[in-house]
Amino acid sequence: QDLDTACKALLSGETPQLPEKTASLSVWQRHLEAWSQTEAFRKEESFWRPADDISFDIPLDMPTDDWTFGSSGHVLATLDEEATDFLLKEANGPYNTDARILLNTALALAIREWSGADTLIIGQESHGRHLPDADVSRTIGWFTAIYPLALSFTGDSLGLHISHVKEQIRNVPAGGIGYGIRAWLRSPGTRSSGPGDQLSGAEARPSTAVRFNYLGRLDGELGDEFFTPASLPALSSDPANTLTAQLEIDAMVLGSRLAIQITYNKNAHFKSTIISLRDSLLHHLERIF
């Protein structure tokens, strides 16, 4: 946004005028520490504890000790413009939902079908800028909130499944930011392992089985007269770094089409397995539609 504003000003022969900066990272850190001492934060403990007690994993095609980014592969899925528009609008009417809830439901049903587990954990990732007293709207940084979403399914009622996922997501306190505070700001020796833990080497298997991130509609954010998304692939991490989830699913709307990318470990899963999972996810989305 700042680059766009500056370019327009310069083309008009004007001096760029940008808004004031918002809270710095150090200010944000102090707000996190303050939030960890509040009564509201302490009340979250009862919400997060059940997820800590659930053991969930996904099937592997092959055993491996290599969980580095350099071993990752990708499988893509897209919806056409008509289906994407329906997902964002009409599909949410019957159950008063949103796209994130419906995508989580379809993904959970696909994972349930694959793993055979009726109770599962889908790690959630979001922008993390949820603290009420710290304005970081213009602060550059990765303010990610990562937390486990525990889901249990019985029977085949699609309506009940959607309602359950909706209830679980909407009950998450403070956008889920408290889980990371709970995991990382505790004193040494008491920190619980969280779904965002970065492993120290390639020998360890990520404790998070599945992580989902719905980034929303990015058409307006990433496309204007100066800047458009690049078609070239981009590396999100050094190939030697360790994957923090066995499967990572990222979804976003670009060019009026929903795009879903599944990142997996080629040493742990055959591409055909992940393609089957993708097709199952799309099948359950069609059921919801």
Protein backbone atom coordinates (compact mmCIF):
# COMPACT_ATOMS: atom_id res chain seq x y z
CA GLN A 1 0.00 0.00 0.00
CA ASP A 2 2.81 2.41 0.84
CA LEU A 3 4.65 1.57 -2.38
CA ASP A 4 1.46 2.16 -4.35
CA THR A 5 0.88 5.51 -2.62
CA ALA A 6 4.50 6.58 -3.20
CA CYS A 7 4.46 5.61 -6.89
CA LYS A 8 1.27 7.54 -7.54
CA ALA A 9 2.65 10.60 -5.79
CA LEU A 10 5.94 10.49 -7.69
CA LEU A 11 4.20 10.09 -11.04
CA SER A 12 2.17 13.18 -10.19
CA GLY A 13 5.32 15.13 -9.31
CA GLU A 14 4.43 15.22 -5.62
CA THR A 15 6.34 14.25 -2.47
CA PRO A 16 4.94 11.01 -1.03
CA GLN A 17 3.02 11.53 2.22
CA LEU A 18 2.55 8.36 4.22
CA PRO A 19 0.44 7.80 7.36
CA GLU A 20 2.08 7.63 10.78
CA LYS A 21 3.60 4.32 11.80
CA THR A 22 1.76 2.03 14.18
CA ALA A 23 3.05 0.01 17.16
CA SER A 24 6.57 -1.40 16.89
CA LEU A 25 7.49 -5.04 17.45
CA SER A 26 8.91 -4.20 20.88
CA VAL A 27 5.63 -2.51 21.87
CA TRP A 28 3.75 -5.56 20.60
CA GLN A 29 5.96 -7.83 22.71
CA ARG A 30 5.17 -5.83 25.84
CA HIS A 31 1.45 -6.10 25.07
CA LEU A 32 1.78 -9.87 24.72
CA GLU A 33 3.44 -10.08 28.12
CA ALA A 34 0.77 -7.85 29.66
CA TRP A 35 -2.01 -9.93 28.11
CA SER A 36 -0.50 -13.09 29.62
CA GLN A 37 -1.12 -11.61 33.09
CA THR A 38 -4.80 -10.76 32.57
CA GLU A 39 -7.78 -12.61 34.00
CA ALA A 40 -9.18 -13.07 30.48
CA PHE A 41 -6.05 -14.94 29.47
CA ARG A 42 -6.11 -17.15 32.57
CA LYS A 43 -9.69 -18.14 31.75
CA GLU A 44 -8.51 -19.51 28.39
CA GLU A 45 -6.71 -22.42 30.08
CA SER A 46 -9.87 -24.52 30.30
CA PHE A 47 -10.49 -23.98 26.58
CA TRP A 48 -7.04 -25.10 25.41
CA ARG A 49 -6.44 -27.99 27.80
CA PRO A 50 -8.69 -30.57 26.02
CA ALA A 51 -6.81 -30.07 22.72
CA ASP A 52 -3.52 -30.80 24.50
CA ASP A 53 -4.91 -34.17 25.60
CA ILE A 54 -5.90 -35.34 22.10
CA SER A 55 -3.45 -37.55 20.26
CA PHE A 56 -3.91 -37.23 16.51
CA ASP A 57 -1.72 -38.18 13.57
CA ILE A 58 -2.08 -38.91 9.88
CA PRO A 59 -1.04 -42.01 7.93
CA LEU A 60 2.40 -41.97 6.31
CA ASP A 61 3.22 -43.83 3.10
CA MET A 62 6.91 -44.10 4.03
CA PRO A 63 8.97 -43.61 7.20
CA THR A 64 11.51 -40.80 6.98
CA ASP A 65 13.86 -38.75 9.11
CA ASP A 66 14.02 -35.91 6.59
CA TRP A 67 11.40 -33.25 7.31
CA THR A 68 13.14 -30.28 5.71
CA PHE A 69 11.55 -27.73 3.39
CA GLY A 70 13.82 -29.01 0.65
CA SER A 71 11.84 -32.28 0.71
CA SER A 72 8.46 -30.61 0.29
CA GLY A 73 6.13 -30.98 -2.67
CA HIS A 74 2.91 -29.20 -3.62
CA VAL A 75 -0.49 -30.22 -4.92
CA LEU A 76 -2.87 -27.52 -6.13
CA ALA A 77 -6.64 -27.20 -6.43
CA THR A 78 -8.79 -24.36 -7.73
CA LEU A 79 -12.45 -23.46 -7.94
CA ASP A 80 -13.79 -21.57 -10.92
CA GLU A 81 -15.16 -18.05 -10.50
CA GLU A 82 -18.79 -19.17 -10.19
CA ALA A 83 -18.05 -21.75 -7.49
CA THR A 84 -15.76 -19.31 -5.65
CA ASP A 85 -18.44 -16.63 -5.65
CA PHE A 86 -20.94 -19.16 -4.31
CA LEU A 87 -18.52 -20.20 -1.55
CA LEU A 88 -18.02 -16.61 -0.48
CA LYS A 89 -21.71 -15.68 -0.57
CA GLU A 90 -24.75 -17.95 -1.00
CA ALA A 91 -23.20 -21.08 0.53
CA ASN A 92 -23.03 -19.39 3.92
CA GLY A 93 -26.70 -18.53 4.18
CA PRO A 94 -28.22 -21.83 5.41
CA TYR A 95 -25.94 -22.19 8.46
CA ASN A 96 -24.81 -18.58 9.00
CA THR A 97 -21.21 -19.51 8.29
CA ASP A 98 -18.29 -18.05 6.35
CA ALA A 99 -15.80 -19.44 3.83
CA ARG A 100 -13.28 -20.38 6.52
CA ILE A 101 -15.82 -22.51 8.38
CA LEU A 102 -16.95 -24.32 5.22
CA LEU A 103 -13.36 -24.95 4.07
CA ASN A 104 -12.44 -26.30 7.51
CA THR A 105 -15.46 -28.59 7.43
CA ALA A 106 -14.60 -30.00 4.02
CA LEU A 107 -10.95 -30.44 5.01
CA ALA A 108 -11.84 -32.13 8.30
CA LEU A 109 -14.18 -34.57 6.57
CA ALA A 110 -11.48 -35.40 4.01
CA ILE A 111 -8.90 -35.95 6.78
CA ARG A 112 -11.38 -38.05 8.74
CA GLU A 113 -12.06 -40.21 5.68
CA TRP A 114 -8.31 -40.68 5.09
CA SER A 115 -7.14 -41.21 8.67
CA GLY A 116 -10.16 -43.10 10.01
CA ALA A 117 -10.19 -40.86 13.10
CA ASP A 118 -13.46 -39.36 14.34
CA THR A 119 -11.60 -36.93 16.63
CA LEU A 120 -8.89 -34.89 15.00
CA ILE A 121 -6.81 -31.76 15.37
CA ILE A 122 -6.48 -29.26 12.54
CA GLY A 123 -3.94 -26.58 13.39
CA GLN A 124 -5.16 -23.11 12.47
CA GLU A 125 -3.04 -20.20 11.32
CA SER A 126 -4.24 -16.61 11.08
CA HIS A 127 -2.82 -13.08 10.97
CA GLY A 128 -2.52 -12.93 14.77
CA ARG A 129 -3.16 -9.19 15.14
CA HIS A 130 -5.85 -9.75 17.74
CA LEU A 131 -4.76 -7.81 20.83
CA PRO A 132 -7.27 -5.02 21.46
CA ASP A 133 -4.86 -2.34 22.75
CA ALA A 134 -1.98 -2.54 20.25
CA ASP A 135 -2.53 -1.05 16.79
CA VAL A 136 -0.23 -2.92 14.39
CA SER A 137 -2.35 -2.34 11.29
CA ARG A 138 0.57 -0.72 9.45
CA THR A 139 3.41 -2.63 11.13
CA ILE A 140 5.26 -5.01 8.82
CA GLY A 141 5.81 -8.45 10.32
CA TRP A 142 4.49 -11.96 10.67
CA PHE A 143 2.09 -11.64 13.62
CA THR A 144 0.92 -15.22 13.20
CA ALA A 145 -1.50 -16.87 15.61
CA ILE A 146 -1.21 -20.67 15.44
CA TYR A 147 -3.41 -22.92 17.55
CA PRO A 148 -5.05 -26.37 17.54
CA LEU A 149 -8.71 -26.74 16.60
CA ALA A 150 -10.17 -29.94 18.08
CA LEU A 151 -13.02 -31.47 16.07
CA SER A 152 -15.12 -34.57 16.76
CA PHE A 153 -17.48 -36.15 14.25
CA THR A 154 -20.14 -38.81 14.63
CA GLY A 155 -22.57 -39.97 11.99
CA ASP A 156 -22.98 -38.59 8.48
CA SER A 157 -25.13 -35.48 8.99
CA LEU A 158 -23.43 -32.75 6.98
CA GLY A 159 -25.52 -30.07 8.68
CA LEU A 160 -24.41 -31.21 12.13
CA HIS A 161 -20.79 -31.34 10.99
CA ILE A 162 -20.94 -27.76 9.71
CA SER A 163 -22.62 -26.57 12.90
CA HIS A 164 -19.97 -28.29 15.04
CA VAL A 165 -17.07 -26.74 13.14
CA LYS A 166 -18.75 -23.33 13.27
CA GLU A 167 -19.25 -23.59 17.03
CA GLN A 168 -15.66 -24.66 17.65
CA ILE A 169 -14.17 -21.89 15.51
CA ARG A 170 -16.38 -19.15 16.94
CA ASN A 171 -15.64 -20.25 20.50
CA VAL A 172 -11.89 -19.71 20.03
CA PRO A 173 -10.97 -16.85 22.42
CA ALA A 174 -9.14 -13.76 21.12
CA GLY A 175 -8.58 -15.19 17.67
CA GLY A 176 -6.42 -17.98 19.09
CA ILE A 177 -3.48 -15.75 19.99
CA GLY A 178 -3.56 -16.95 23.60
CA TYR A 179 -2.40 -20.44 22.67
CA GLY A 180 0.96 -19.16 21.49
CA ILE A 181 1.30 -16.89 24.51
CA ARG A 182 0.50 -19.85 26.72
CA ALA A 183 3.09 -21.99 24.93
CA TRP A 184 5.96 -19.55 24.49
CA LEU A 185 5.82 -16.95 27.26
CA ARG A 186 5.82 -19.41 30.13
CA SER A 187 8.97 -19.72 32.22
CA PRO A 188 11.54 -22.32 31.04
CA GLY A 189 10.62 -25.85 31.96
CA THR A 190 6.86 -25.27 31.96
CA ARG A 191 6.27 -24.42 28.31
CA SER A 192 3.99 -26.83 26.51
CA SER A 193 4.88 -27.78 22.95
CA GLY A 194 2.71 -25.89 20.50
CA PRO A 195 1.61 -26.50 16.92
CA GLY A 196 4.05 -23.83 15.73
CA ASP A 197 7.16 -25.33 17.29
CA GLN A 198 10.23 -25.06 15.05
CA LEU A 199 12.21 -28.25 15.26
CA SER A 200 15.97 -28.12 15.59
CA GLY A 201 16.90 -30.60 12.90
CA ALA A 202 15.78 -32.97 10.16
CA GLU A 203 15.67 -35.96 12.49
CA ALA A 204 12.38 -35.03 14.20
CA ARG A 205 8.86 -35.50 12.83
CA PRO A 206 6.68 -32.37 13.18
CA SER A 207 4.23 -32.73 16.06
CA THR A 208 1.55 -30.90 14.06
CA ALA A 209 -0.11 -33.29 11.64
CA VAL A 210 -2.24 -30.82 9.65
CA ARG A 211 -2.29 -27.03 9.55
CA PHE A 212 -4.78 -24.87 7.66
CA ASN A 213 -4.53 -21.20 6.76
CA TYR A 214 -7.29 -19.33 4.93
CA LEU A 215 -5.84 -16.00 3.89
CA GLY A 216 -9.12 -14.65 2.55
CA ARG A 217 -9.67 -12.57 -0.56
CA LEU A 218 -6.39 -11.11 -1.77
CA ASP A 219 -7.53 -9.73 -5.12
CA GLY A 220 -7.58 -6.14 -3.89
CA GLU A 221 -4.47 -6.50 -1.74
CA LEU A 222 -2.14 -7.93 -4.37
CA GLY A 223 -3.27 -6.38 -7.61
CA ASP A 224 -3.30 -2.79 -8.86
CA GLU A 225 -1.80 -0.70 -11.67
CA PHE A 226 1.74 -1.12 -10.29
CA PHE A 227 1.84 -4.54 -8.62
CA THR A 228 0.41 -7.95 -9.47
CA PRO A 229 1.18 -11.43 -8.09
CA ALA A 230 4.17 -13.07 -9.78
CA SER A 231 3.64 -16.32 -11.63
CA LEU A 232 7.11 -17.56 -10.67
CA PRO A 233 7.33 -19.96 -7.70
CA ALA A 234 8.74 -18.47 -4.50
CA LEU A 235 10.65 -20.12 -1.65
CA SER A 236 9.00 -19.41 1.69
CA SER A 237 11.88 -20.80 3.74
CA ASP A 238 15.47 -21.98 3.48
CA PRO A 239 15.44 -25.58 2.15
CA ALA A 240 17.47 -26.67 5.20
CA ASN A 241 14.81 -25.45 7.66
CA THR A 242 12.46 -27.98 9.18
CA LEU A 243 8.80 -28.28 8.25
CA THR A 244 6.55 -27.38 11.17
CA ALA A 245 3.58 -29.46 9.95
CA GLN A 246 3.35 -32.78 8.17
CA LEU A 247 0.69 -31.30 5.88
CA GLU A 248 0.06 -27.60 5.35
CA ILE A 249 -3.00 -26.37 3.48
CA ASP A 250 -3.11 -22.74 2.36
CA ALA A 251 -6.21 -21.28 0.70
CA MET A 252 -6.80 -17.84 -0.79
CA VAL A 253 -8.90 -16.09 -3.39
CA LEU A 254 -6.89 -14.59 -6.25
CA GLY A 255 -8.30 -13.44 -9.55
CA SER A 256 -11.83 -14.27 -8.27
CA ARG A 257 -10.86 -17.95 -7.96
CA LEU A 258 -10.20 -19.96 -4.82
CA ALA A 259 -6.74 -21.52 -4.87
CA ILE A 260 -5.75 -24.28 -2.43
CA GLN A 261 -2.17 -25.47 -2.04
CA ILE A 262 -1.29 -28.61 -0.09
CA THR A 263 2.36 -28.77 0.97
CA TYR A 264 3.61 -32.22 1.93
CA ASN A 265 6.85 -34.14 2.49
CA LYS A 266 7.77 -36.14 -0.62
CA ASN A 267 9.75 -38.53 1.60
CA ALA A 268 6.66 -39.31 3.70
CA HIS A 269 3.77 -39.25 1.20
CA PHE A 270 3.31 -40.27 -2.40
CA LYS A 271 2.00 -37.50 -4.61
CA SER A 272 -0.91 -39.77 -5.53
CA THR A 273 -1.94 -39.89 -1.85
CA ILE A 274 -2.06 -36.12 -1.61
CA ILE A 275 -3.95 -35.88 -4.91
CA SER A 276 -6.54 -38.28 -3.47
CA LEU A 277 -6.79 -36.10 -0.36
CA ARG A 278 -7.23 -33.01 -2.54
CA ASP A 279 -9.97 -34.71 -4.55
CA SER A 280 -11.72 -35.74 -1.33
CA LEU A 281 -11.54 -32.16 -0.07
CA LEU A 282 -13.11 -30.90 -3.31
CA HIS A 283 -15.76 -33.64 -3.12
CA HIS A 284 -16.81 -32.55 0.38
CA LEU A 285 -16.88 -28.92 -0.76
CA GLU A 286 -19.28 -29.96 -3.53
CA ARG A 287 -21.46 -31.71 -0.93
CA ILE A 288 -21.62 -28.50 1.07
CA PHE A 289 -22.57 -26.55 -2.04
